[in-house]
Amino acid sequence: MKRILATISILLATTATADEYNTVAAKWRTCSACHGAKAEGKPGFPGLQTLGQEHIVEALQDYKAGVYRGDQSVIMFGQAATLSDEEVELMAKYIEVLSNE
């Protein structure tokens, strides 16, 4: 019985985590056009796999604020503007999850 309850708890936790990313997973489809399906990057666009959550959050917050960070900043200003502060945090986590798949 304890095993069954433990299994159910794990399944519920996994579902909650997957549900947590629903909003940013949909937005990631746009991001993946340049950054790749698993954040590996594409020619002319950086990979995000090795940047870490803190760096990604900082970059997205800067882009939302209109801070120039390099040649792709103009593109990123519009992309980051669509994210709420909560989604910025979730996106950084989601990218890490994608990178580890």
PDB file of N, CA and C in Angstrom:
ATOM      1  N   MET A   1       0.821  -1.200   0.000  1.00  0.00           N
ATOM      2  CA  MET A   1       0.000   0.000   0.000  1.00  0.00           C
ATOM      3  C   MET A   1       0.869   1.270   0.000  1.00  0.00           C
ATOM      4  N   LYS A   2       1.946   1.245   0.792  1.00  0.00           N
ATOM      5  CA  LYS A   2       2.836   2.408   0.832  1.00  0.00           C
ATOM      6  C   LYS A   2       3.475   2.649  -0.522  1.00  0.00           C
ATOM      7  N   ARG A   3       3.804   1.551  -1.202  1.00  0.00           N
ATOM      8  CA  ARG A   3       4.404   1.685  -2.538  1.00  0.00           C
ATOM      9  C   ARG A   3       3.441   2.334  -3.519  1.00  0.00           C
ATOM     10  N   ILE A   4       2.199   1.938  -3.444  1.00  0.00           N
ATOM     11  CA  ILE A   4       1.184   2.499  -4.340  1.00  0.00           C
ATOM     12  C   ILE A   4       1.028   3.993  -4.068  1.00  0.00           C
ATOM     13  N   LEU A   5       0.957   4.380  -2.801  1.00  0.00           N
ATOM     14  CA  LEU A   5       0.820   5.795  -2.456  1.00  0.00           C
ATOM     15  C   LEU A   5       2.048   6.587  -2.891  1.00  0.00           C
ATOM     16  N   ALA A   6       3.223   6.014  -2.733  1.00  0.00           N
ATOM     17  CA  ALA A   6       4.448   6.686  -3.168  1.00  0.00           C
ATOM     18  C   ALA A   6       4.450   6.883  -4.681  1.00  0.00           C
ATOM     19  N   THR A   7       4.031   5.865  -5.410  1.00  0.00           N
ATOM     20  CA  THR A   7       3.963   5.955  -6.866  1.00  0.00           C
ATOM     21  C   THR A   7       2.964   7.021  -7.298  1.00  0.00           C
ATOM     22  N   ILE A   8       1.822   7.054  -6.669  1.00  0.00           N
ATOM     23  CA  ILE A   8       0.799   8.056  -6.988  1.00  0.00           C
ATOM     24  C   ILE A   8       1.334   9.456  -6.705  1.00  0.00           C
ATOM     25  N   SER A   9       2.031   9.619  -5.590  1.00  0.00           N
ATOM     26  CA  SER A   9       2.598  10.932  -5.250  1.00  0.00           C
ATOM     27  C   SER A   9       3.597  11.387  -6.295  1.00  0.00           C
ATOM     28  N   ILE A  10       4.445  10.471  -6.750  1.00  0.00           N
ATOM     29  CA  ILE A  10       5.431  10.812  -7.776  1.00  0.00           C
ATOM     30  C   ILE A  10       4.741  11.202  -9.070  1.00  0.00           C
ATOM     31  N   LEU A  11       3.731  10.441  -9.465  1.00  0.00           N
ATOM     32  CA  LEU A  11       3.005  10.748 -10.689  1.00  0.00           C
ATOM     33  C   LEU A  11       2.325  12.106 -10.608  1.00  0.00           C
ATOM     34  N   LEU A  12       1.732  12.414  -9.477  1.00  0.00           N
ATOM     35  CA  LEU A  12       1.079  13.709  -9.314  1.00  0.00           C
ATOM     36  C   LEU A  12       2.093  14.845  -9.358  1.00  0.00           C
ATOM     37  N   ALA A  13       3.249  14.654  -8.756  1.00  0.00           N
ATOM     38  CA  ALA A  13       4.288  15.684  -8.772  1.00  0.00           C
ATOM     39  C   ALA A  13       4.789  15.910 -10.190  1.00  0.00           C
ATOM     40  N   THR A  14       4.962  14.838 -10.947  1.00  0.00           N
ATOM     41  CA  THR A  14       5.411  14.943 -12.325  1.00  0.00           C
ATOM     42  C   THR A  14       4.381  15.676 -13.171  1.00  0.00           C
ATOM     43  N   THR A  15       3.122  15.358 -12.995  1.00  0.00           N
ATOM     44  CA  THR A  15       2.050  16.023 -13.734  1.00  0.00           C
ATOM     45  C   THR A  15       2.008  17.504 -13.396  1.00  0.00           C
ATOM     46  N   ALA A  16       2.146  17.827 -12.119  1.00  0.00           N
ATOM     47  CA  ALA A  16       2.124  19.231 -11.716  1.00  0.00           C
ATOM     48  C   ALA A  16       3.273  19.989 -12.366  1.00  0.00           C
ATOM     49  N   THR A  17       4.449  19.378 -12.437  1.00  0.00           N
ATOM     50  CA  THR A  17       5.589  20.023 -13.059  1.00  0.00           C
ATOM     51  C   THR A  17       5.344  20.223 -14.552  1.00  0.00           C
ATOM     52  N   ALA A  18       4.824  19.203 -15.215  1.00  0.00           N
ATOM     53  CA  ALA A  18       4.527  19.323 -16.640  1.00  0.00           C
ATOM     54  C   ALA A  18       3.490  20.409 -16.877  1.00  0.00           C
ATOM     55  N   ASP A  19       2.448  20.456 -16.050  1.00  0.00           N
ATOM     56  CA  ASP A  19       1.419  21.479 -16.181  1.00  0.00           C
ATOM     57  C   ASP A  19       1.989  22.880 -15.956  1.00  0.00           C
ATOM     58  N   GLU A  20       2.954  22.964 -15.071  1.00  0.00           N
ATOM     59  CA  GLU A  20       3.580  24.242 -14.751  1.00  0.00           C
ATOM     60  C   GLU A  20       4.167  24.903 -16.003  1.00  0.00           C
ATOM     61  N   TYR A  21       4.644  24.094 -16.932  1.00  0.00           N
ATOM     62  CA  TYR A  21       5.311  24.603 -18.127  1.00  0.00           C
ATOM     63  C   TYR A  21       4.390  24.809 -19.320  1.00  0.00           C
ATOM     64  N   ASN A  22       3.099  24.521 -19.201  1.00  0.00           N
ATOM     65  CA  ASN A  22       2.192  24.625 -20.347  1.00  0.00           C
ATOM     66  C   ASN A  22       2.270  25.971 -21.059  1.00  0.00           C
ATOM     67  N   THR A  23       2.221  27.047 -20.308  1.00  0.00           N
ATOM     68  CA  THR A  23       2.223  28.386 -20.912  1.00  0.00           C
ATOM     69  C   THR A  23       3.516  28.655 -21.659  1.00  0.00           C
ATOM     70  N   VAL A  24       4.649  28.380 -21.010  1.00  0.00           N
ATOM     71  CA  VAL A  24       5.922  28.690 -21.662  1.00  0.00           C
ATOM     72  C   VAL A  24       6.271  27.671 -22.738  1.00  0.00           C
ATOM     73  N   ALA A  25       5.760  26.455 -22.626  1.00  0.00           N
ATOM     74  CA  ALA A  25       6.006  25.451 -23.679  1.00  0.00           C
ATOM     75  C   ALA A  25       5.413  25.930 -24.994  1.00  0.00           C
ATOM     76  N   ALA A  26       4.242  26.522 -24.941  1.00  0.00           N
ATOM     77  CA  ALA A  26       3.612  27.052 -26.150  1.00  0.00           C
ATOM     78  C   ALA A  26       4.431  28.214 -26.711  1.00  0.00           C
ATOM     79  N   LYS A  27       4.932  29.074 -25.839  1.00  0.00           N
ATOM     80  CA  LYS A  27       5.741  30.206 -26.295  1.00  0.00           C
ATOM     81  C   LYS A  27       7.112  29.749 -26.782  1.00  0.00           C
ATOM     82  N   TRP A  28       7.618  28.647 -26.225  1.00  0.00           N
ATOM     83  CA  TRP A  28       8.922  28.137 -26.643  1.00  0.00           C
ATOM     84  C   TRP A  28       8.925  27.762 -28.118  1.00  0.00           C
ATOM     85  N   ARG A  29       7.789  27.370 -28.660  1.00  0.00           N
ATOM     86  CA  ARG A  29       7.733  27.006 -30.088  1.00  0.00           C
ATOM     87  C   ARG A  29       8.257  28.150 -30.956  1.00  0.00           C
ATOM     88  N   THR A  30       7.941  29.370 -30.592  1.00  0.00           N
ATOM     89  CA  THR A  30       8.450  30.532 -31.325  1.00  0.00           C
ATOM     90  C   THR A  30       9.958  30.665 -31.110  1.00  0.00           C
ATOM     91  N   CYS A  31      10.390  30.509 -29.875  1.00  0.00           N
ATOM     92  CA  CYS A  31      11.819  30.621 -29.542  1.00  0.00           C
ATOM     93  C   CYS A  31      12.648  29.574 -30.280  1.00  0.00           C
ATOM     94  N   SER A  32      12.079  28.379 -30.397  1.00  0.00           N
ATOM     95  CA  SER A  32      12.830  27.266 -30.987  1.00  0.00           C
ATOM     96  C   SER A  32      13.139  27.476 -32.470  1.00  0.00           C
ATOM     97  N   ALA A  33      12.416  28.384 -33.119  1.00  0.00           N
ATOM     98  CA  ALA A  33      12.717  28.674 -34.526  1.00  0.00           C
ATOM     99  C   ALA A  33      14.158  29.163 -34.681  1.00  0.00           C
ATOM    100  N   CYS A  34      14.653  29.872 -33.686  1.00  0.00           N
ATOM    101  CA  CYS A  34      16.037  30.366 -33.727  1.00  0.00           C
ATOM    102  C   CYS A  34      16.971  29.572 -32.806  1.00  0.00           C
ATOM    103  N   HIS A  35      16.476  29.210 -31.635  1.00  0.00           N
ATOM    104  CA  HIS A  35      17.331  28.588 -30.629  1.00  0.00           C
ATOM    105  C   HIS A  35      17.346  27.067 -30.685  1.00  0.00           C
ATOM    106  N   GLY A  36      16.523  26.459 -31.543  1.00  0.00           N
ATOM    107  CA  GLY A  36      16.488  25.006 -31.670  1.00  0.00           C
ATOM    108  C   GLY A  36      15.512  24.367 -30.704  1.00  0.00           C
ATOM    109  N   ALA A  37      14.987  23.216 -31.075  1.00  0.00           N
ATOM    110  CA  ALA A  37      13.963  22.524 -30.286  1.00  0.00           C
ATOM    111  C   ALA A  37      14.434  22.193 -28.874  1.00  0.00           C
ATOM    112  N   LYS A  38      15.706  21.915 -28.715  1.00  0.00           N
ATOM    113  CA  LYS A  38      16.261  21.574 -27.399  1.00  0.00           C
ATOM    114  C   LYS A  38      17.243  22.636 -26.915  1.00  0.00           C
ATOM    115  N   ALA A  39      17.075  23.853 -27.409  1.00  0.00           N
ATOM    116  CA  ALA A  39      17.897  25.002 -27.025  1.00  0.00           C
ATOM    117  C   ALA A  39      19.350  24.853 -27.453  1.00  0.00           C
ATOM    118  N   GLU A  40      19.577  24.042 -28.484  1.00  0.00           N
ATOM    119  CA  GLU A  40      20.942  23.776 -28.946  1.00  0.00           C
ATOM    120  C   GLU A  40      21.502  24.886 -29.830  1.00  0.00           C
ATOM    121  N   GLY A  41      20.640  25.797 -30.275  1.00  0.00           N
ATOM    122  CA  GLY A  41      21.059  26.882 -31.146  1.00  0.00           C
ATOM    123  C   GLY A  41      20.989  26.474 -32.610  1.00  0.00           C
ATOM    124  N   LYS A  42      21.054  27.463 -33.464  1.00  0.00           N
ATOM    125  CA  LYS A  42      21.067  27.271 -34.917  1.00  0.00           C
ATOM    126  C   LYS A  42      22.073  28.257 -35.486  1.00  0.00           C
ATOM    127  N   PRO A  43      22.501  28.069 -36.723  1.00  0.00           N
ATOM    128  CA  PRO A  43      23.486  29.000 -37.293  1.00  0.00           C
ATOM    129  C   PRO A  43      23.040  30.465 -37.151  1.00  0.00           C
ATOM    130  N   GLY A  44      23.892  31.256 -36.540  1.00  0.00           N
ATOM    131  CA  GLY A  44      23.594  32.669 -36.344  1.00  0.00           C
ATOM    132  C   GLY A  44      22.822  32.975 -35.071  1.00  0.00           C
ATOM    133  N   PHE A  45      22.385  31.949 -34.362  1.00  0.00           N
ATOM    134  CA  PHE A  45      21.602  32.132 -33.141  1.00  0.00           C
ATOM    135  C   PHE A  45      22.198  31.266 -32.027  1.00  0.00           C
ATOM    136  N   PRO A  46      22.321  31.818 -30.833  1.00  0.00           N
ATOM    137  CA  PRO A  46      23.017  31.096 -29.770  1.00  0.00           C
ATOM    138  C   PRO A  46      22.228  29.918 -29.195  1.00  0.00           C
ATOM    139  N   GLY A  47      22.976  28.912 -28.781  1.00  0.00           N
ATOM    140  CA  GLY A  47      22.410  27.834 -27.993  1.00  0.00           C
ATOM    141  C   GLY A  47      22.246  28.325 -26.562  1.00  0.00           C
ATOM    142  N   LEU A  48      21.274  27.794 -25.874  1.00  0.00           N
ATOM    143  CA  LEU A  48      20.997  28.231 -24.503  1.00  0.00           C
ATOM    144  C   LEU A  48      21.271  27.125 -23.488  1.00  0.00           C
ATOM    145  N   GLN A  49      21.654  25.963 -23.965  1.00  0.00           N
ATOM    146  CA  GLN A  49      21.797  24.782 -23.120  1.00  0.00           C
ATOM    147  C   GLN A  49      22.763  24.954 -21.955  1.00  0.00           C
ATOM    148  N   THR A  50      23.807  25.697 -22.138  1.00  0.00           N
ATOM    149  CA  THR A  50      24.835  25.783 -21.104  1.00  0.00           C
ATOM    150  C   THR A  50      24.800  27.089 -20.311  1.00  0.00           C
ATOM    151  N   LEU A  51      23.824  27.924 -20.557  1.00  0.00           N
ATOM    152  CA  LEU A  51      23.811  29.242 -19.930  1.00  0.00           C
ATOM    153  C   LEU A  51      23.346  29.236 -18.476  1.00  0.00           C
ATOM    154  N   GLY A  52      22.492  28.331 -18.088  1.00  0.00           N
ATOM    155  CA  GLY A  52      21.978  28.297 -16.722  1.00  0.00           C
ATOM    156  C   GLY A  52      20.785  29.218 -16.540  1.00  0.00           C
ATOM    157  N   GLN A  53      19.966  28.859 -15.580  1.00  0.00           N
ATOM    158  CA  GLN A  53      18.717  29.596 -15.340  1.00  0.00           C
ATOM    159  C   GLN A  53      18.957  31.057 -14.990  1.00  0.00           C
ATOM    160  N   GLU A  54      19.918  31.327 -14.136  1.00  0.00           N
ATOM    161  CA  GLU A  54      20.165  32.695 -13.684  1.00  0.00           C
ATOM    162  C   GLU A  54      20.528  33.617 -14.863  1.00  0.00           C
ATOM    163  N   HIS A  55      21.372  33.130 -15.736  1.00  0.00           N
ATOM    164  CA  HIS A  55      21.783  33.923 -16.908  1.00  0.00           C
ATOM    165  C   HIS A  55      20.596  34.178 -17.840  1.00  0.00           C
ATOM    166  N   ILE A  56      19.783  33.159 -18.050  1.00  0.00           N
ATOM    167  CA  ILE A  56      18.623  33.299 -18.942  1.00  0.00           C
ATOM    168  C   ILE A  56      17.624  34.283 -18.361  1.00  0.00           C
ATOM    169  N   VAL A  57      17.370  34.195 -17.058  1.00  0.00           N
ATOM    170  CA  VAL A  57      16.449  35.141 -16.410  1.00  0.00           C
ATOM    171  C   VAL A  57      16.979  36.562 -16.564  1.00  0.00           C
ATOM    172  N   GLU A  58      18.257  36.756 -16.285  1.00  0.00           N
ATOM    173  CA  GLU A  58      18.858  38.086 -16.406  1.00  0.00           C
ATOM    174  C   GLU A  58      18.730  38.631 -17.828  1.00  0.00           C
ATOM    175  N   ALA A  59      19.028  37.784 -18.806  1.00  0.00           N
ATOM    176  CA  ALA A  59      18.950  38.216 -20.205  1.00  0.00           C
ATOM    177  C   ALA A  59      17.517  38.578 -20.592  1.00  0.00           C
ATOM    178  N   LEU A  60      16.559  37.733 -20.240  1.00  0.00           N
ATOM    179  CA  LEU A  60      15.162  38.014 -20.598  1.00  0.00           C
ATOM    180  C   LEU A  60      14.652  39.273 -19.906  1.00  0.00           C
ATOM    181  N   GLN A  61      15.038  39.476 -18.646  1.00  0.00           N
ATOM    182  CA  GLN A  61      14.636  40.703 -17.951  1.00  0.00           C
ATOM    183  C   GLN A  61      15.253  41.932 -18.618  1.00  0.00           C
ATOM    184  N   ASP A  62      16.515  41.818 -19.015  1.00  0.00           N
ATOM    185  CA  ASP A  62      17.152  42.929 -19.726  1.00  0.00           C
ATOM    186  C   ASP A  62      16.429  43.232 -21.034  1.00  0.00           C
ATOM    187  N   TYR A  63      16.129  42.188 -21.804  1.00  0.00           N
ATOM    188  CA  TYR A  63      15.435  42.398 -23.074  1.00  0.00           C
ATOM    189  C   TYR A  63      14.071  43.045 -22.844  1.00  0.00           C
ATOM    190  N   LYS A  64      13.360  42.595 -21.807  1.00  0.00           N
ATOM    191  CA  LYS A  64      12.059  43.212 -21.488  1.00  0.00           C
ATOM    192  C   LYS A  64      12.217  44.696 -21.178  1.00  0.00           C
ATOM    193  N   ALA A  65      13.332  45.060 -20.571  1.00  0.00           N
ATOM    194  CA  ALA A  65      13.592  46.448 -20.185  1.00  0.00           C
ATOM    195  C   ALA A  65      14.218  47.261 -21.321  1.00  0.00           C
ATOM    196  N   GLY A  66      14.487  46.601 -22.473  1.00  0.00           N
ATOM    197  CA  GLY A  66      15.060  47.300 -23.611  1.00  0.00           C
ATOM    198  C   GLY A  66      16.570  47.474 -23.548  1.00  0.00           C
ATOM    199  N   VAL A  67      17.236  46.660 -22.723  1.00  0.00           N
ATOM    200  CA  VAL A  67      18.691  46.741 -22.595  1.00  0.00           C
ATOM    201  C   VAL A  67      19.342  46.004 -23.762  1.00  0.00           C
ATOM    202  N   TYR A  68      20.235  46.690 -24.462  1.00  0.00           N
ATOM    203  CA  TYR A  68      20.936  46.114 -25.608  1.00  0.00           C
ATOM    204  C   TYR A  68      21.995  45.137 -25.107  1.00  0.00           C
ATOM    205  N   ARG A  69      21.963  43.896 -25.619  1.00  0.00           N
ATOM    206  CA  ARG A  69      22.906  42.859 -25.189  1.00  0.00           C
ATOM    207  C   ARG A  69      23.660  42.245 -26.368  1.00  0.00           C
ATOM    208  N   GLY A  70      23.492  42.774 -27.543  1.00  0.00           N
ATOM    209  CA  GLY A  70      24.191  42.225 -28.698  1.00  0.00           C
ATOM    210  C   GLY A  70      23.352  42.337 -29.954  1.00  0.00           C
ATOM    211  N   ASP A  71      23.876  41.760 -31.034  1.00  0.00           N
ATOM    212  CA  ASP A  71      23.268  41.900 -32.357  1.00  0.00           C
ATOM    213  C   ASP A  71      21.812  41.443 -32.444  1.00  0.00           C
ATOM    214  N   GLN A  72      21.417  40.465 -31.655  1.00  0.00           N
ATOM    215  CA  GLN A  72      20.051  39.941 -31.741  1.00  0.00           C
ATOM    216  C   GLN A  72      19.077  40.649 -30.793  1.00  0.00           C
ATOM    217  N   SER A  73      19.538  41.694 -30.123  1.00  0.00           N
ATOM    218  CA  SER A  73      18.704  42.371 -29.123  1.00  0.00           C
ATOM    219  C   SER A  73      17.375  42.855 -29.678  1.00  0.00           C
ATOM    220  N   VAL A  74      17.392  43.425 -30.860  1.00  0.00           N
ATOM    221  CA  VAL A  74      16.151  43.970 -31.423  1.00  0.00           C
ATOM    222  C   VAL A  74      15.103  42.879 -31.584  1.00  0.00           C
ATOM    223  N   ILE A  75      15.524  41.706 -32.015  1.00  0.00           N
ATOM    224  CA  ILE A  75      14.590  40.572 -32.127  1.00  0.00           C
ATOM    225  C   ILE A  75      14.090  40.172 -30.741  1.00  0.00           C
ATOM    226  N   MET A  76      15.013  40.123 -29.790  1.00  0.00           N
ATOM    227  CA  MET A  76      14.668  39.647 -28.451  1.00  0.00           C
ATOM    228  C   MET A  76      13.797  40.625 -27.667  1.00  0.00           C
ATOM    229  N   PHE A  77      13.872  41.917 -27.974  1.00  0.00           N
ATOM    230  CA  PHE A  77      13.018  42.881 -27.280  1.00  0.00           C
ATOM    231  C   PHE A  77      11.553  42.488 -27.415  1.00  0.00           C
ATOM    232  N   GLY A  78      11.137  42.201 -28.639  1.00  0.00           N
ATOM    233  CA  GLY A  78       9.743  41.831 -28.891  1.00  0.00           C
ATOM    234  C   GLY A  78       9.372  40.480 -28.302  1.00  0.00           C
ATOM    235  N   GLN A  79      10.302  39.536 -28.370  1.00  0.00           N
ATOM    236  CA  GLN A  79      10.020  38.198 -27.836  1.00  0.00           C
ATOM    237  C   GLN A  79       9.865  38.240 -26.315  1.00  0.00           C
ATOM    238  N   ALA A  80      10.776  38.899 -25.634  1.00  0.00           N
ATOM    239  CA  ALA A  80      10.747  38.961 -24.174  1.00  0.00           C
ATOM    240  C   ALA A  80       9.551  39.763 -23.667  1.00  0.00           C
ATOM    241  N   ALA A  81       9.115  40.715 -24.457  1.00  0.00           N
ATOM    242  CA  ALA A  81       7.980  41.550 -24.047  1.00  0.00           C
ATOM    243  C   ALA A  81       6.702  40.739 -23.868  1.00  0.00           C
ATOM    244  N   THR A  82       6.624  39.573 -24.501  1.00  0.00           N
ATOM    245  CA  THR A  82       5.412  38.751 -24.393  1.00  0.00           C
ATOM    246  C   THR A  82       5.384  37.923 -23.116  1.00  0.00           C
ATOM    247  N   LEU A  83       6.480  37.910 -22.357  1.00  0.00           N
ATOM    248  CA  LEU A  83       6.575  37.086 -21.150  1.00  0.00           C
ATOM    249  C   LEU A  83       6.294  37.905 -19.896  1.00  0.00           C
ATOM    250  N   SER A  84       5.487  37.346 -19.002  1.00  0.00           N
ATOM    251  CA  SER A  84       5.306  37.952 -17.680  1.00  0.00           C
ATOM    252  C   SER A  84       6.557  37.646 -16.860  1.00  0.00           C
ATOM    253  N   ASP A  85       6.696  38.286 -15.709  1.00  0.00           N
ATOM    254  CA  ASP A  85       7.845  38.006 -14.849  1.00  0.00           C
ATOM    255  C   ASP A  85       7.863  36.540 -14.418  1.00  0.00           C
ATOM    256  N   GLU A  86       6.704  35.991 -14.126  1.00  0.00           N
ATOM    257  CA  GLU A  86       6.611  34.582 -13.752  1.00  0.00           C
ATOM    258  C   GLU A  86       7.028  33.685 -14.926  1.00  0.00           C
ATOM    259  N   GLU A  87       6.604  34.043 -16.121  1.00  0.00           N
ATOM    260  CA  GLU A  87       6.963  33.254 -17.299  1.00  0.00           C
ATOM    261  C   GLU A  87       8.458  33.318 -17.605  1.00  0.00           C
ATOM    262  N   VAL A  88       9.097  34.428 -17.276  1.00  0.00           N
ATOM    263  CA  VAL A  88      10.549  34.527 -17.463  1.00  0.00           C
ATOM    264  C   VAL A  88      11.232  33.458 -16.617  1.00  0.00           C
ATOM    265  N   GLU A  89      10.825  33.350 -15.361  1.00  0.00           N
ATOM    266  CA  GLU A  89      11.393  32.337 -14.457  1.00  0.00           C
ATOM    267  C   GLU A  89      11.098  30.930 -14.964  1.00  0.00           C
ATOM    268  N   LEU A  90       9.854  30.705 -15.366  1.00  0.00           N
ATOM    269  CA  LEU A  90       9.466  29.385 -15.867  1.00  0.00           C
ATOM    270  C   LEU A  90      10.189  29.033 -17.158  1.00  0.00           C
ATOM    271  N   MET A  91      10.390  30.021 -18.022  1.00  0.00           N
ATOM    272  CA  MET A  91      11.085  29.769 -19.282  1.00  0.00           C
ATOM    273  C   MET A  91      12.520  29.313 -19.020  1.00  0.00           C
ATOM    274  N   ALA A  92      13.178  29.945 -18.068  1.00  0.00           N
ATOM    275  CA  ALA A  92      14.549  29.550 -17.730  1.00  0.00           C
ATOM    276  C   ALA A  92      14.580  28.108 -17.226  1.00  0.00           C
ATOM    277  N   LYS A  93      13.610  27.737 -16.405  1.00  0.00           N
ATOM    278  CA  LYS A  93      13.522  26.349 -15.915  1.00  0.00           C
ATOM    279  C   LYS A  93      13.224  25.397 -17.067  1.00  0.00           C
ATOM    280  N   TYR A  94      12.297  25.800 -17.916  1.00  0.00           N
ATOM    281  CA  TYR A  94      11.892  24.955 -19.046  1.00  0.00           C
ATOM    282  C   TYR A  94      13.063  24.699 -19.987  1.00  0.00           C
ATOM    283  N   ILE A  95      13.868  25.721 -20.253  1.00  0.00           N
ATOM    284  CA  ILE A  95      15.030  25.568 -21.111  1.00  0.00           C
ATOM    285  C   ILE A  95      16.001  24.564 -20.512  1.00  0.00           C
ATOM    286  N   GLU A  96      16.156  24.619 -19.208  1.00  0.00           N
ATOM    287  CA  GLU A  96      17.032  23.643 -18.543  1.00  0.00           C
ATOM    288  C   GLU A  96      16.482  22.225 -18.681  1.00  0.00           C
ATOM    289  N   VAL A  97      15.174  22.071 -18.539  1.00  0.00           N
ATOM    290  CA  VAL A  97      14.550  20.758 -18.711  1.00  0.00           C
ATOM    291  C   VAL A  97      14.770  20.255 -20.135  1.00  0.00           C
ATOM    292  N   LEU A  98      14.529  21.118 -21.123  1.00  0.00           N
ATOM    293  CA  LEU A  98      14.739  20.740 -22.531  1.00  0.00           C
ATOM    294  C   LEU A  98      16.182  20.320 -22.787  1.00  0.00           C
ATOM    295  N   SER A  99      17.089  21.065 -22.204  1.00  0.00           N
ATOM    296  CA  SER A  99      18.521  20.818 -22.416  1.00  0.00           C
ATOM    297  C   SER A  99      18.960  19.476 -21.843  1.00  0.00           C
ATOM    298  N   ASN A 100      18.245  18.996 -20.849  1.00  0.00           N
ATOM    299  CA  ASN A 100      18.615  17.737 -20.192  1.00  0.00           C
ATOM    300  C   ASN A 100      17.873  16.530 -20.734  1.00  0.00           C
ATOM    301  N   GLU A 101      17.013  16.727 -21.722  1.00  0.00           N
ATOM    302  CA  GLU A 101      16.256  15.601 -22.289  1.00  0.00           C
ATOM    303  C   GLU A 101      17.128  14.777 -23.211  1.00  0.00           C
TER     304      GLU A 101
END
